All heavy atoms as atom14 arrays in JSON, in Angstrom:
{
  "sequence": "ASITTDGEAVYEDSVKGRFTISIDNVKNTVSLQMNNVK",
  "atom14_mask": [
    [1, 1, 1, 1, 1, 0, 0, 0, 0, 0, 0, 0, 0, 0],
    [1, 1, 1, 1, 1, 1, 0, 0, 0, 0, 0, 0, 0, 0],
    [1, 1, 1, 1, 1, 1, 1, 1, 0, 0, 0, 0, 0, 0],
    [1, 1, 1, 1, 1, 1, 1, 0, 0, 0, 0, 0, 0, 0],
    [1, 1, 1, 1, 1, 1, 1, 0, 0, 0, 0, 0, 0, 0],
    [1, 1, 1, 1, 1, 1, 1, 1, 0, 0, 0, 0, 0, 0],
    [1, 1, 1, 1, 0, 0, 0, 0, 0, 0, 0, 0, 0, 0],
    [1, 1, 1, 1, 1, 1, 1, 1, 1, 0, 0, 0, 0, 0],
    [1, 1, 1, 1, 1, 0, 0, 0, 0, 0, 0, 0, 0, 0],
    [1, 1, 1, 1, 1, 1, 1, 0, 0, 0, 0, 0, 0, 0],
    [1, 1, 1, 1, 1, 1, 1, 1, 1, 1, 1, 1, 0, 0],
    [1, 1, 1, 1, 1, 1, 1, 1, 1, 0, 0, 0, 0, 0],
    [1, 1, 1, 1, 1, 1, 1, 1, 0, 0, 0, 0, 0, 0],
    [1, 1, 1, 1, 1, 1, 0, 0, 0, 0, 0, 0, 0, 0],
    [1, 1, 1, 1, 1, 1, 1, 0, 0, 0, 0, 0, 0, 0],
    [1, 1, 1, 1, 1, 1, 1, 1, 1, 0, 0, 0, 0, 0],
    [1, 1, 1, 1, 0, 0, 0, 0, 0, 0, 0, 0, 0, 0],
    [1, 1, 1, 1, 1, 1, 1, 1, 1, 1, 1, 0, 0, 0],
    [1, 1, 1, 1, 1, 1, 1, 1, 1, 1, 1, 0, 0, 0],
    [1, 1, 1, 1, 1, 1, 1, 0, 0, 0, 0, 0, 0, 0],
    [1, 1, 1, 1, 1, 1, 1, 1, 0, 0, 0, 0, 0, 0],
    [1, 1, 1, 1, 1, 1, 0, 0, 0, 0, 0, 0, 0, 0],
    [1, 1, 1, 1, 1, 1, 1, 1, 0, 0, 0, 0, 0, 0],
    [1, 1, 1, 1, 1, 1, 1, 1, 0, 0, 0, 0, 0, 0],
    [1, 1, 1, 1, 1, 1, 1, 1, 0, 0, 0, 0, 0, 0],
    [1, 1, 1, 1, 1, 1, 1, 0, 0, 0, 0, 0, 0, 0],
    [1, 1, 1, 1, 1, 1, 1, 1, 1, 0, 0, 0, 0, 0],
    [1, 1, 1, 1, 1, 1, 1, 1, 0, 0, 0, 0, 0, 0],
    [1, 1, 1, 1, 1, 1, 1, 0, 0, 0, 0, 0, 0, 0],
    [1, 1, 1, 1, 1, 1, 1, 0, 0, 0, 0, 0, 0, 0],
    [1, 1, 1, 1, 1, 1, 0, 0, 0, 0, 0, 0, 0, 0],
    [1, 1, 1, 1, 1, 1, 1, 1, 0, 0, 0, 0, 0, 0],
    [1, 1, 1, 1, 1, 1, 1, 1, 1, 0, 0, 0, 0, 0],
    [1, 1, 1, 1, 1, 1, 1, 1, 0, 0, 0, 0, 0, 0],
    [1, 1, 1, 1, 1, 1, 1, 1, 0, 0, 0, 0, 0, 0],
    [1, 1, 1, 1, 1, 1, 1, 1, 0, 0, 0, 0, 0, 0],
    [1, 1, 1, 1, 1, 1, 1, 0, 0, 0, 0, 0, 0, 0],
    [1, 1, 1, 1, 1, 1, 1, 1, 1, 0, 0, 0, 0, 0]
  ],
  "atom14_positions": [
    [[0.84, -1.19, 0.0], [0.0, 0.0, 0.0], [0.87, 1.23, 0.0], [1.99, 1.22, 0.52], [-0.94, 0.02, 1.21], [0.0, 0.0, 0.0], [0.0, 0.0, 0.0], [0.0, 0.0, 0.0], [0.0, 0.0, 0.0], [0.0, 0.0, 0.0], [0.0, 0.0, 0.0], [0.0, 0.0, 0.0], [0.0, 0.0, 0.0], [0.0, 0.0, 0.0]],
    [[0.38, 2.29, -0.57], [1.07, 3.57, -0.55], [0.05, 4.68, -0.42], [-1.13, 4.51, -0.74], [1.94, 3.77, -1.8], [1.15, 3.89, -2.96], [0.0, 0.0, 0.0], [0.0, 0.0, 0.0], [0.0, 0.0, 0.0], [0.0, 0.0, 0.0], [0.0, 0.0, 0.0], [0.0, 0.0, 0.0], [0.0, 0.0, 0.0], [0.0, 0.0, 0.0]],
    [[0.53, 5.83, 0.02], [-0.36, 6.96, 0.21], [0.43, 8.24, 0.01], [1.57, 8.37, 0.44], [-1.03, 6.91, 1.61], [-2.1, 7.98, 1.75], [0.01, 7.01, 2.72], [-2.98, 7.8, 2.97], [0.0, 0.0, 0.0], [0.0, 0.0, 0.0], [0.0, 0.0, 0.0], [0.0, 0.0, 0.0], [0.0, 0.0, 0.0], [0.0, 0.0, 0.0]],
    [[-0.19, 9.19, -0.66], [0.4, 10.51, -0.8], [0.01, 11.37, 0.38], [-0.89, 11.04, 1.16], [-0.06, 11.19, -2.09], [-1.45, 11.53, -1.99], [0.16, 10.28, -3.3], [0.0, 0.0, 0.0], [0.0, 0.0, 0.0], [0.0, 0.0, 0.0], [0.0, 0.0, 0.0], [0.0, 0.0, 0.0], [0.0, 0.0, 0.0], [0.0, 0.0, 0.0]],
    [[0.68, 12.5, 0.51], [0.34, 13.42, 1.59], [-1.03, 14.05, 1.39], [-1.57, 14.65, 2.32], [1.41, 14.51, 1.73], [1.62, 15.15, 0.47], [2.72, 13.9, 2.21], [0.0, 0.0, 0.0], [0.0, 0.0, 0.0], [0.0, 0.0, 0.0], [0.0, 0.0, 0.0], [0.0, 0.0, 0.0], [0.0, 0.0, 0.0], [0.0, 0.0, 0.0]],
    [[-1.57, 13.93, 0.2], [-2.94, 14.37, -0.07], [-3.97, 13.3, 0.28], [-5.17, 13.53, 0.15], [-3.11, 14.77, -1.53], [-2.36, 16.03, -1.88], [-2.21, 16.9, -1.0], [-1.92, 16.16, -3.05], [0.0, 0.0, 0.0], [0.0, 0.0, 0.0], [0.0, 0.0, 0.0], [0.0, 0.0, 0.0], [0.0, 0.0, 0.0], [0.0, 0.0, 0.0]],
    [[-3.5, 12.14, 0.69], [-4.4, 11.08, 1.09], [-4.81, 10.13, 0.0], [-5.74, 9.33, 0.2], [0.0, 0.0, 0.0], [0.0, 0.0, 0.0], [0.0, 0.0, 0.0], [0.0, 0.0, 0.0], [0.0, 0.0, 0.0], [0.0, 0.0, 0.0], [0.0, 0.0, 0.0], [0.0, 0.0, 0.0], [0.0, 0.0, 0.0], [0.0, 0.0, 0.0]],
    [[-4.16, 10.18, -1.15], [-4.47, 9.25, -2.23], [-3.77, 7.94, -1.97], [-2.54, 7.86, -1.98], [-4.03, 9.84, -3.57], [-4.71, 11.15, -3.92], [-4.19, 11.76, -5.2], [-3.31, 11.16, -5.84], [-4.66, 12.85, -5.56], [0.0, 0.0, 0.0], [0.0, 0.0, 0.0], [0.0, 0.0, 0.0], [0.0, 0.0, 0.0], [0.0, 0.0, 0.0]],
    [[-4.55, 6.91, -1.76], [-4.02, 5.61, -1.38], [-4.23, 4.58, -2.48], [-5.25, 4.61, -3.19], [-4.67, 5.12, -0.1], [0.0, 0.0, 0.0], [0.0, 0.0, 0.0], [0.0, 0.0, 0.0], [0.0, 0.0, 0.0], [0.0, 0.0, 0.0], [0.0, 0.0, 0.0], [0.0, 0.0, 0.0], [0.0, 0.0, 0.0], [0.0, 0.0, 0.0]],
    [[-3.29, 3.69, -2.62], [-3.41, 2.55, -3.51], [-3.05, 1.3, -2.73], [-2.23, 1.35, -1.81], [-2.53, 2.67, -4.77], [-2.96, 3.86, -5.61], [-1.06, 2.8, -4.4], [0.0, 0.0, 0.0], [0.0, 0.0, 0.0], [0.0, 0.0, 0.0], [0.0, 0.0, 0.0], [0.0, 0.0, 0.0], [0.0, 0.0, 0.0], [0.0, 0.0, 0.0]],
    [[-3.66, 0.19, -3.12], [-3.46, -1.06, -2.42], [-3.22, -2.19, -3.38], [-3.78, -2.22, -4.49], [-4.69, -1.42, -1.58], [-5.01, -0.46, -0.46], [-5.87, 0.6, -0.65], [-4.44, -0.64, 0.8], [-6.17, 1.47, 0.38], [-4.73, 0.22, 1.83], [-5.6, 1.28, 1.62], [-5.9, 2.14, 2.65], [0.0, 0.0, 0.0], [0.0, 0.0, 0.0]],
    [[-2.39, -3.11, -2.97], [-2.3, -4.37, -3.65], [-3.65, -5.08, -3.54], [-4.32, -5.0, -2.5], [-1.19, -5.22, -3.04], [-0.97, -6.56, -3.7], [0.01, -7.42, -2.94], [0.14, -7.24, -1.71], [0.64, -8.28, -3.57], [0.0, 0.0, 0.0], [0.0, 0.0, 0.0], [0.0, 0.0, 0.0], [0.0, 0.0, 0.0], [0.0, 0.0, 0.0]],
    [[-4.05, -5.76, -4.59], [-5.36, -6.4, -4.59], [-5.54, -7.35, -3.41], [-6.64, -7.46, -2.85], [-5.58, -7.15, -5.9], [-5.87, -6.23, -7.06], [-6.21, -5.05, -6.82], [-5.76, -6.68, -8.22], [0.0, 0.0, 0.0], [0.0, 0.0, 0.0], [0.0, 0.0, 0.0], [0.0, 0.0, 0.0], [0.0, 0.0, 0.0], [0.0, 0.0, 0.0]],
    [[-4.49, -8.04, -3.04], [-4.61, -9.05, -2.01], [-4.85, -8.47, -0.62], [-5.28, -9.2, 0.29], [-3.37, -9.94, -1.99], [-2.21, -9.2, -1.64], [0.0, 0.0, 0.0], [0.0, 0.0, 0.0], [0.0, 0.0, 0.0], [0.0, 0.0, 0.0], [0.0, 0.0, 0.0], [0.0, 0.0, 0.0], [0.0, 0.0, 0.0], [0.0, 0.0, 0.0]],
    [[-4.57, -7.19, -0.43], [-4.77, -6.58, 0.88], [-5.96, -5.63, 0.89], [-6.37, -5.17, 1.97], [-3.51, -5.84, 1.37], [-2.29, -6.73, 1.25], [-3.31, -4.52, 0.62], [0.0, 0.0, 0.0], [0.0, 0.0, 0.0], [0.0, 0.0, 0.0], [0.0, 0.0, 0.0], [0.0, 0.0, 0.0], [0.0, 0.0, 0.0], [0.0, 0.0, 0.0]],
    [[-6.5, -5.33, -0.26], [-7.61, -4.4, -0.35], [-8.8, -4.91, 0.45], [-9.2, -6.06, 0.34], [-7.99, -4.17, -1.81], [-8.99, -3.04, -2.03], [-9.21, -2.78, -3.51], [-7.95, -2.29, -4.19], [-8.2, -1.95, -5.63], [0.0, 0.0, 0.0], [0.0, 0.0, 0.0], [0.0, 0.0, 0.0], [0.0, 0.0, 0.0], [0.0, 0.0, 0.0]],
    [[-9.36, -4.03, 1.25], [-10.47, -4.4, 2.11], [-10.05, -4.92, 3.46], [-10.89, -5.04, 4.37], [0.0, 0.0, 0.0], [0.0, 0.0, 0.0], [0.0, 0.0, 0.0], [0.0, 0.0, 0.0], [0.0, 0.0, 0.0], [0.0, 0.0, 0.0], [0.0, 0.0, 0.0], [0.0, 0.0, 0.0], [0.0, 0.0, 0.0], [0.0, 0.0, 0.0]],
    [[-8.79, -5.26, 3.62], [-8.27, -5.76, 4.88], [-7.28, -4.79, 5.53], [-7.26, -4.66, 6.75], [-7.6, -7.12, 4.7], [-8.52, -8.19, 4.15], [-7.85, -9.56, 4.15], [-6.68, -9.6, 3.29], [-5.43, -9.81, 3.73], [-5.2, -10.02, 5.02], [-4.42, -9.84, 2.87], [0.0, 0.0, 0.0], [0.0, 0.0, 0.0], [0.0, 0.0, 0.0]],
    [[-6.48, -4.15, 4.71], [-5.48, -3.21, 5.21], [-5.93, -1.79, 4.92], [-6.57, -1.51, 3.9], [-4.12, -3.43, 4.53], [-3.44, -4.73, 4.85], [-4.05, -5.71, 5.62], [-2.16, -4.97, 4.38], [-3.42, -6.91, 5.91], [-1.51, -6.15, 4.66], [-2.13, -7.13, 5.42], [0.0, 0.0, 0.0], [0.0, 0.0, 0.0], [0.0, 0.0, 0.0]],
    [[-5.56, -0.89, 5.8], [-5.83, 0.52, 5.61], [-4.56, 1.3, 5.89], [-3.97, 1.16, 6.96], [-6.95, 1.02, 6.53], [-8.15, 0.27, 6.29], [-7.23, 2.49, 6.27], [0.0, 0.0, 0.0], [0.0, 0.0, 0.0], [0.0, 0.0, 0.0], [0.0, 0.0, 0.0], [0.0, 0.0, 0.0], [0.0, 0.0, 0.0], [0.0, 0.0, 0.0]],
    [[-4.16, 2.11, 4.93], [-2.99, 2.95, 5.1], [-3.45, 4.37, 5.39], [-4.43, 4.85, 4.83], [-2.07, 2.89, 3.86], [-0.73, 3.57, 4.14], [-2.74, 3.47, 2.63], [0.32, 3.31, 3.07], [0.0, 0.0, 0.0], [0.0, 0.0, 0.0], [0.0, 0.0, 0.0], [0.0, 0.0, 0.0], [0.0, 0.0, 0.0], [0.0, 0.0, 0.0]],
    [[-2.74, 5.03, 6.27], [-3.06, 6.4, 6.61], [-1.77, 7.17, 6.86], [-0.73, 6.58, 7.15], [-3.97, 6.48, 7.84], [-3.35, 5.9, 8.98], [0.0, 0.0, 0.0], [0.0, 0.0, 0.0], [0.0, 0.0, 0.0], [0.0, 0.0, 0.0], [0.0, 0.0, 0.0], [0.0, 0.0, 0.0], [0.0, 0.0, 0.0], [0.0, 0.0, 0.0]],
    [[-1.86, 8.48, 6.74], [-0.68, 9.31, 6.9], [-1.0, 10.49, 7.79], [-2.08, 11.07, 7.72], [-0.12, 9.77, 5.52], [1.25, 10.43, 5.67], [-1.11, 10.69, 4.81], [1.97, 10.6, 4.35], [0.0, 0.0, 0.0], [0.0, 0.0, 0.0], [0.0, 0.0, 0.0], [0.0, 0.0, 0.0], [0.0, 0.0, 0.0], [0.0, 0.0, 0.0]],
    [[-0.07, 10.81, 8.65], [-0.13, 11.98, 9.5], [0.94, 12.94, 8.99], [2.13, 12.71, 9.2], [0.1, 11.61, 10.96], [-0.07, 12.78, 11.91], [0.16, 13.94, 11.51], [-0.45, 12.53, 13.07], [0.0, 0.0, 0.0], [0.0, 0.0, 0.0], [0.0, 0.0, 0.0], [0.0, 0.0, 0.0], [0.0, 0.0, 0.0], [0.0, 0.0, 0.0]],
    [[0.52, 14.0, 8.33], [1.47, 14.91, 7.71], [2.22, 15.77, 8.72], [3.3, 16.28, 8.42], [0.74, 15.81, 6.7], [0.23, 15.06, 5.51], [0.9, 14.16, 4.99], [-0.96, 15.42, 5.04], [0.0, 0.0, 0.0], [0.0, 0.0, 0.0], [0.0, 0.0, 0.0], [0.0, 0.0, 0.0], [0.0, 0.0, 0.0], [0.0, 0.0, 0.0]],
    [[1.65, 15.93, 9.91], [2.33, 16.7, 10.94], [3.48, 15.9, 11.53], [4.58, 16.41, 11.73], [1.35, 17.13, 12.03], [2.08, 17.85, 13.16], [0.27, 18.03, 11.45], [0.0, 0.0, 0.0], [0.0, 0.0, 0.0], [0.0, 0.0, 0.0], [0.0, 0.0, 0.0], [0.0, 0.0, 0.0], [0.0, 0.0, 0.0], [0.0, 0.0, 0.0]],
    [[3.22, 14.64, 11.81], [4.23, 13.77, 12.4], [5.09, 13.07, 11.37], [6.05, 12.38, 11.75], [3.56, 12.73, 13.29], [2.77, 13.31, 14.45], [2.11, 12.21, 15.26], [1.33, 12.77, 16.44], [0.66, 11.71, 17.22], [0.0, 0.0, 0.0], [0.0, 0.0, 0.0], [0.0, 0.0, 0.0], [0.0, 0.0, 0.0], [0.0, 0.0, 0.0]],
    [[4.77, 13.23, 10.08], [5.46, 12.49, 9.02], [5.47, 11.0, 9.32], [6.5, 10.33, 9.25], [6.88, 13.01, 8.81], [6.9, 14.35, 8.11], [6.03, 14.66, 7.3], [7.92, 15.15, 8.4], [0.0, 0.0, 0.0], [0.0, 0.0, 0.0], [0.0, 0.0, 0.0], [0.0, 0.0, 0.0], [0.0, 0.0, 0.0], [0.0, 0.0, 0.0]],
    [[4.31, 10.51, 9.65], [4.14, 9.13, 10.03], [3.08, 8.48, 9.17], [2.01, 9.06, 8.95], [3.76, 9.01, 11.51], [4.81, 9.52, 12.32], [3.49, 7.56, 11.89], [0.0, 0.0, 0.0], [0.0, 0.0, 0.0], [0.0, 0.0, 0.0], [0.0, 0.0, 0.0], [0.0, 0.0, 0.0], [0.0, 0.0, 0.0], [0.0, 0.0, 0.0]],
    [[3.37, 7.3, 8.7], [2.41, 6.51, 7.96], [2.12, 5.25, 8.75], [3.02, 4.67, 9.37], [2.91, 6.18, 6.54], [4.13, 5.27, 6.57], [1.8, 5.56, 5.7], [0.0, 0.0, 0.0], [0.0, 0.0, 0.0], [0.0, 0.0, 0.0], [0.0, 0.0, 0.0], [0.0, 0.0, 0.0], [0.0, 0.0, 0.0], [0.0, 0.0, 0.0]],
    [[0.87, 4.85, 8.76], [0.45, 3.66, 9.48], [-0.2, 2.69, 8.53], [-0.8, 3.08, 7.52], [-0.52, 4.01, 10.61], [0.09, 4.85, 11.57], [0.0, 0.0, 0.0], [0.0, 0.0, 0.0], [0.0, 0.0, 0.0], [0.0, 0.0, 0.0], [0.0, 0.0, 0.0], [0.0, 0.0, 0.0], [0.0, 0.0, 0.0], [0.0, 0.0, 0.0]],
    [[-0.08, 1.43, 8.85], [-0.76, 0.38, 8.1], [-1.54, -0.46, 9.09], [-0.95, -1.2, 9.87], [0.24, -0.48, 7.33], [-0.38, -1.51, 6.39], [-1.09, -0.83, 5.22], [0.67, -2.49, 5.88], [0.0, 0.0, 0.0], [0.0, 0.0, 0.0], [0.0, 0.0, 0.0], [0.0, 0.0, 0.0], [0.0, 0.0, 0.0], [0.0, 0.0, 0.0]],
    [[-2.84, -0.29, 9.07], [-3.71, -1.1, 9.91], [-4.03, -2.38, 9.16], [-4.64, -2.35, 8.09], [-4.99, -0.34, 10.25], [-5.98, -1.13, 11.1], [-5.45, -1.46, 12.47], [-4.86, -0.61, 13.13], [-5.63, -2.71, 12.9], [0.0, 0.0, 0.0], [0.0, 0.0, 0.0], [0.0, 0.0, 0.0], [0.0, 0.0, 0.0], [0.0, 0.0, 0.0]],
    [[-3.62, -3.49, 9.71], [-3.77, -4.78, 9.08], [-4.84, -5.56, 9.84], [-4.63, -5.95, 10.99], [-2.45, -5.55, 9.08], [-1.3, -4.78, 8.45], [0.33, -5.51, 8.79], [0.13, -7.14, 8.07], [0.0, 0.0, 0.0], [0.0, 0.0, 0.0], [0.0, 0.0, 0.0], [0.0, 0.0, 0.0], [0.0, 0.0, 0.0], [0.0, 0.0, 0.0]],
    [[-5.96, -5.78, 9.2], [-7.05, -6.53, 9.79], [-7.26, -7.84, 9.04], [-6.93, -7.95, 7.86], [-8.34, -5.71, 9.77], [-8.29, -4.49, 10.64], [-7.6, -4.46, 11.66], [-9.03, -3.45, 10.25], [0.0, 0.0, 0.0], [0.0, 0.0, 0.0], [0.0, 0.0, 0.0], [0.0, 0.0, 0.0], [0.0, 0.0, 0.0], [0.0, 0.0, 0.0]],
    [[-7.83, -8.8, 9.75], [-8.1, -10.1, 9.15], [-6.88, -10.64, 8.42], [-6.94, -11.03, 7.26], [-9.3, -10.01, 8.21], [-9.82, -11.36, 7.76], [-9.63, -12.37, 8.45], [-10.46, -11.4, 6.6], [0.0, 0.0, 0.0], [0.0, 0.0, 0.0], [0.0, 0.0, 0.0], [0.0, 0.0, 0.0], [0.0, 0.0, 0.0], [0.0, 0.0, 0.0]],
    [[-5.78, -10.67, 9.12], [-4.53, -11.07, 8.49], [-4.56, -12.56, 8.15], [-5.25, -13.36, 8.78], [-3.32, -10.74, 9.37], [-3.2, -9.23, 9.53], [-3.41, -11.42, 10.73], [0.0, 0.0, 0.0], [0.0, 0.0, 0.0], [0.0, 0.0, 0.0], [0.0, 0.0, 0.0], [0.0, 0.0, 0.0], [0.0, 0.0, 0.0], [0.0, 0.0, 0.0]],
    [[-3.81, -12.9, 7.13], [-3.72, -14.26, 6.62], [-2.27, -14.72, 6.67], [-1.35, -13.9, 6.68], [-4.23, -14.32, 5.18], [-5.66, -13.83, 5.01], [-6.07, -13.83, 3.54], [-7.48, -13.35, 3.36], [-7.88, -13.35, 1.93], [0.0, 0.0, 0.0], [0.0, 0.0, 0.0], [0.0, 0.0, 0.0], [0.0, 0.0, 0.0], [0.0, 0.0, 0.0]]
  ]
}
């Protein structure tokens, strides 16, 4: 997964719907929430 500072996110098909990427532009931090992992 990747995300721009504008919040445009793309996902690999295999993780779509399970993973969520987010970015905090103040902290320069990106997170990947992984749910229903396989």
